[in-house]
Amino acid sequence: MKLSAPKETTFWAATILGGLGIISKFVTIPVVSENAFWFVVVGFVVLWLGNTNKGF
């Protein structure tokens, strides 16, 4: 499997999703706090897709 760097937009989207998930465990964010685990999971999946698919 050949990896490539994700686009900048993909990287920041994954970072924001993961960051929101982690922060919402300490601070109540209305929708995010209920689904904090899934925000982190989706952030990692987006980052993984960006690394494994060229141009994602």
N, C-alpha and C. Protein backbone atom coordinates (compact mmCIF):
# COMPACT_ATOMS: atom_id res chain seq x y z
N MET A 1 0.85 -1.17 0.00
CA MET A 1 0.00 0.00 0.00
C MET A 1 0.90 1.23 0.00
N LYS A 2 0.67 2.11 -0.93
CA LYS A 2 1.44 3.34 -1.02
C LYS A 2 0.64 4.48 -0.39
N LEU A 3 1.26 5.17 0.55
CA LEU A 3 0.58 6.27 1.23
C LEU A 3 0.96 7.59 0.60
N SER A 4 0.05 8.54 0.68
CA SER A 4 0.31 9.88 0.20
C SER A 4 -0.21 10.88 1.23
N ALA A 5 0.33 12.07 1.18
CA ALA A 5 -0.12 13.10 2.10
C ALA A 5 -1.54 13.54 1.73
N PRO A 6 -2.40 13.72 2.74
CA PRO A 6 -3.75 14.18 2.43
C PRO A 6 -3.74 15.65 2.02
N LYS A 7 -4.80 16.07 1.36
CA LYS A 7 -4.93 17.50 1.05
C LYS A 7 -5.06 18.27 2.35
N GLU A 8 -4.75 19.54 2.28
CA GLU A 8 -4.81 20.37 3.48
C GLU A 8 -6.22 20.43 4.06
N THR A 9 -7.22 20.48 3.20
CA THR A 9 -8.61 20.52 3.66
C THR A 9 -8.98 19.25 4.40
N THR A 10 -8.55 18.12 3.88
CA THR A 10 -8.84 16.83 4.53
C THR A 10 -8.16 16.76 5.90
N PHE A 11 -6.92 17.21 5.95
CA PHE A 11 -6.19 17.21 7.22
C PHE A 11 -6.90 18.06 8.27
N TRP A 12 -7.32 19.27 7.89
CA TRP A 12 -7.96 20.16 8.85
C TRP A 12 -9.34 19.67 9.25
N ALA A 13 -10.07 19.06 8.31
CA ALA A 13 -11.39 18.50 8.65
C ALA A 13 -11.23 17.38 9.69
N ALA A 14 -10.25 16.50 9.48
CA ALA A 14 -10.00 15.42 10.42
C ALA A 14 -9.56 15.96 11.78
N THR A 15 -8.71 16.97 11.76
CA THR A 15 -8.23 17.57 13.01
C THR A 15 -9.36 18.22 13.79
N ILE A 16 -10.23 18.93 13.10
CA ILE A 16 -11.36 19.59 13.76
C ILE A 16 -12.33 18.56 14.33
N LEU A 17 -12.65 17.52 13.57
CA LEU A 17 -13.55 16.49 14.06
C LEU A 17 -12.98 15.79 15.29
N GLY A 18 -11.72 15.39 15.22
CA GLY A 18 -11.09 14.74 16.37
C GLY A 18 -10.98 15.67 17.56
N GLY A 19 -10.59 16.91 17.30
CA GLY A 19 -10.48 17.89 18.38
C GLY A 19 -11.80 18.17 19.07
N LEU A 20 -12.87 18.29 18.29
CA LEU A 20 -14.19 18.50 18.88
C LEU A 20 -14.59 17.31 19.75
N GLY A 21 -14.31 16.11 19.27
CA GLY A 21 -14.64 14.92 20.05
C GLY A 21 -13.90 14.88 21.37
N ILE A 22 -12.63 15.22 21.36
CA ILE A 22 -11.84 15.20 22.59
C ILE A 22 -12.25 16.32 23.53
N ILE A 23 -12.41 17.52 23.01
CA ILE A 23 -12.79 18.67 23.84
C ILE A 23 -14.17 18.48 24.46
N SER A 24 -15.08 17.85 23.72
CA SER A 24 -16.45 17.71 24.22
C SER A 24 -16.54 16.73 25.39
N LYS A 25 -15.49 15.99 25.68
CA LYS A 25 -15.48 15.15 26.88
C LYS A 25 -15.27 15.98 28.13
N PHE A 26 -14.72 17.18 27.98
CA PHE A 26 -14.44 18.04 29.12
C PHE A 26 -15.37 19.25 29.20
N VAL A 27 -15.88 19.70 28.05
CA VAL A 27 -16.78 20.85 27.97
C VAL A 27 -18.03 20.41 27.25
N THR A 28 -19.18 20.78 27.75
CA THR A 28 -20.43 20.37 27.11
C THR A 28 -20.68 21.16 25.84
N ILE A 29 -20.75 20.43 24.74
CA ILE A 29 -21.11 21.00 23.44
C ILE A 29 -22.38 20.28 23.03
N PRO A 30 -23.50 20.98 22.81
CA PRO A 30 -24.81 20.35 22.67
C PRO A 30 -24.88 19.06 21.84
N VAL A 31 -24.54 19.06 20.60
CA VAL A 31 -24.69 17.86 19.78
C VAL A 31 -23.46 16.96 19.87
N VAL A 32 -22.31 17.57 19.99
CA VAL A 32 -21.06 16.84 19.94
C VAL A 32 -20.84 15.98 21.18
N SER A 33 -21.18 16.47 22.35
CA SER A 33 -20.91 15.75 23.59
C SER A 33 -21.59 14.39 23.62
N GLU A 34 -22.77 14.29 23.03
CA GLU A 34 -23.49 13.02 23.01
C GLU A 34 -22.82 12.01 22.09
N ASN A 35 -22.09 12.49 21.09
CA ASN A 35 -21.47 11.63 20.08
C ASN A 35 -19.97 11.84 20.00
N ALA A 36 -19.32 12.12 21.10
CA ALA A 36 -17.89 12.44 21.10
C ALA A 36 -17.05 11.31 20.52
N PHE A 37 -17.35 10.08 20.90
CA PHE A 37 -16.59 8.95 20.39
C PHE A 37 -16.66 8.89 18.87
N TRP A 38 -17.84 9.08 18.32
CA TRP A 38 -18.01 8.97 16.87
C TRP A 38 -17.35 10.12 16.13
N PHE A 39 -17.27 11.29 16.73
CA PHE A 39 -16.54 12.40 16.11
C PHE A 39 -15.06 12.05 15.98
N VAL A 40 -14.49 11.44 17.01
CA VAL A 40 -13.08 11.05 16.95
C VAL A 40 -12.89 9.94 15.91
N VAL A 41 -13.79 8.97 15.88
CA VAL A 41 -13.69 7.88 14.91
C VAL A 41 -13.78 8.40 13.49
N VAL A 42 -14.74 9.27 13.23
CA VAL A 42 -14.90 9.83 11.88
C VAL A 42 -13.68 10.66 11.51
N GLY A 43 -13.11 11.39 12.46
CA GLY A 43 -11.89 12.16 12.19
C GLY A 43 -10.74 11.25 11.76
N PHE A 44 -10.58 10.13 12.46
CA PHE A 44 -9.52 9.20 12.09
C PHE A 44 -9.79 8.53 10.74
N VAL A 45 -11.05 8.21 10.46
CA VAL A 45 -11.39 7.60 9.17
C VAL A 45 -11.12 8.57 8.03
N VAL A 46 -11.48 9.83 8.21
CA VAL A 46 -11.22 10.84 7.18
C VAL A 46 -9.72 10.98 6.95
N LEU A 47 -8.95 11.00 8.02
CA LEU A 47 -7.49 11.10 7.89
C LEU A 47 -6.92 9.86 7.20
N TRP A 48 -7.42 8.68 7.55
CA TRP A 48 -6.97 7.45 6.91
C TRP A 48 -7.28 7.46 5.42
N LEU A 49 -8.49 7.89 5.07
CA LEU A 49 -8.85 7.98 3.65
C LEU A 49 -7.94 8.96 2.91
N GLY A 50 -7.62 10.06 3.56
CA GLY A 50 -6.73 11.04 2.95
C GLY A 50 -5.33 10.51 2.73
N ASN A 51 -4.88 9.60 3.58
CA ASN A 51 -3.54 9.03 3.44
C ASN A 51 -3.50 7.89 2.43
N THR A 52 -4.57 7.15 2.29
CA THR A 52 -4.55 5.97 1.43
C THR A 52 -5.05 6.25 0.02
N ASN A 53 -5.82 7.31 -0.17
CA ASN A 53 -6.36 7.64 -1.49
C ASN A 53 -5.72 8.93 -1.99
N LYS A 54 -5.05 8.84 -3.10
CA LYS A 54 -4.39 10.01 -3.66
C LYS A 54 -5.45 11.04 -4.12
N GLY A 55 -5.28 12.27 -3.70
CA GLY A 55 -6.18 13.34 -4.10
C GLY A 55 -7.42 13.48 -3.24
N PHE A 56 -7.46 12.81 -2.09
CA PHE A 56 -8.65 12.88 -1.21
C PHE A 56 -8.44 13.96 -0.19
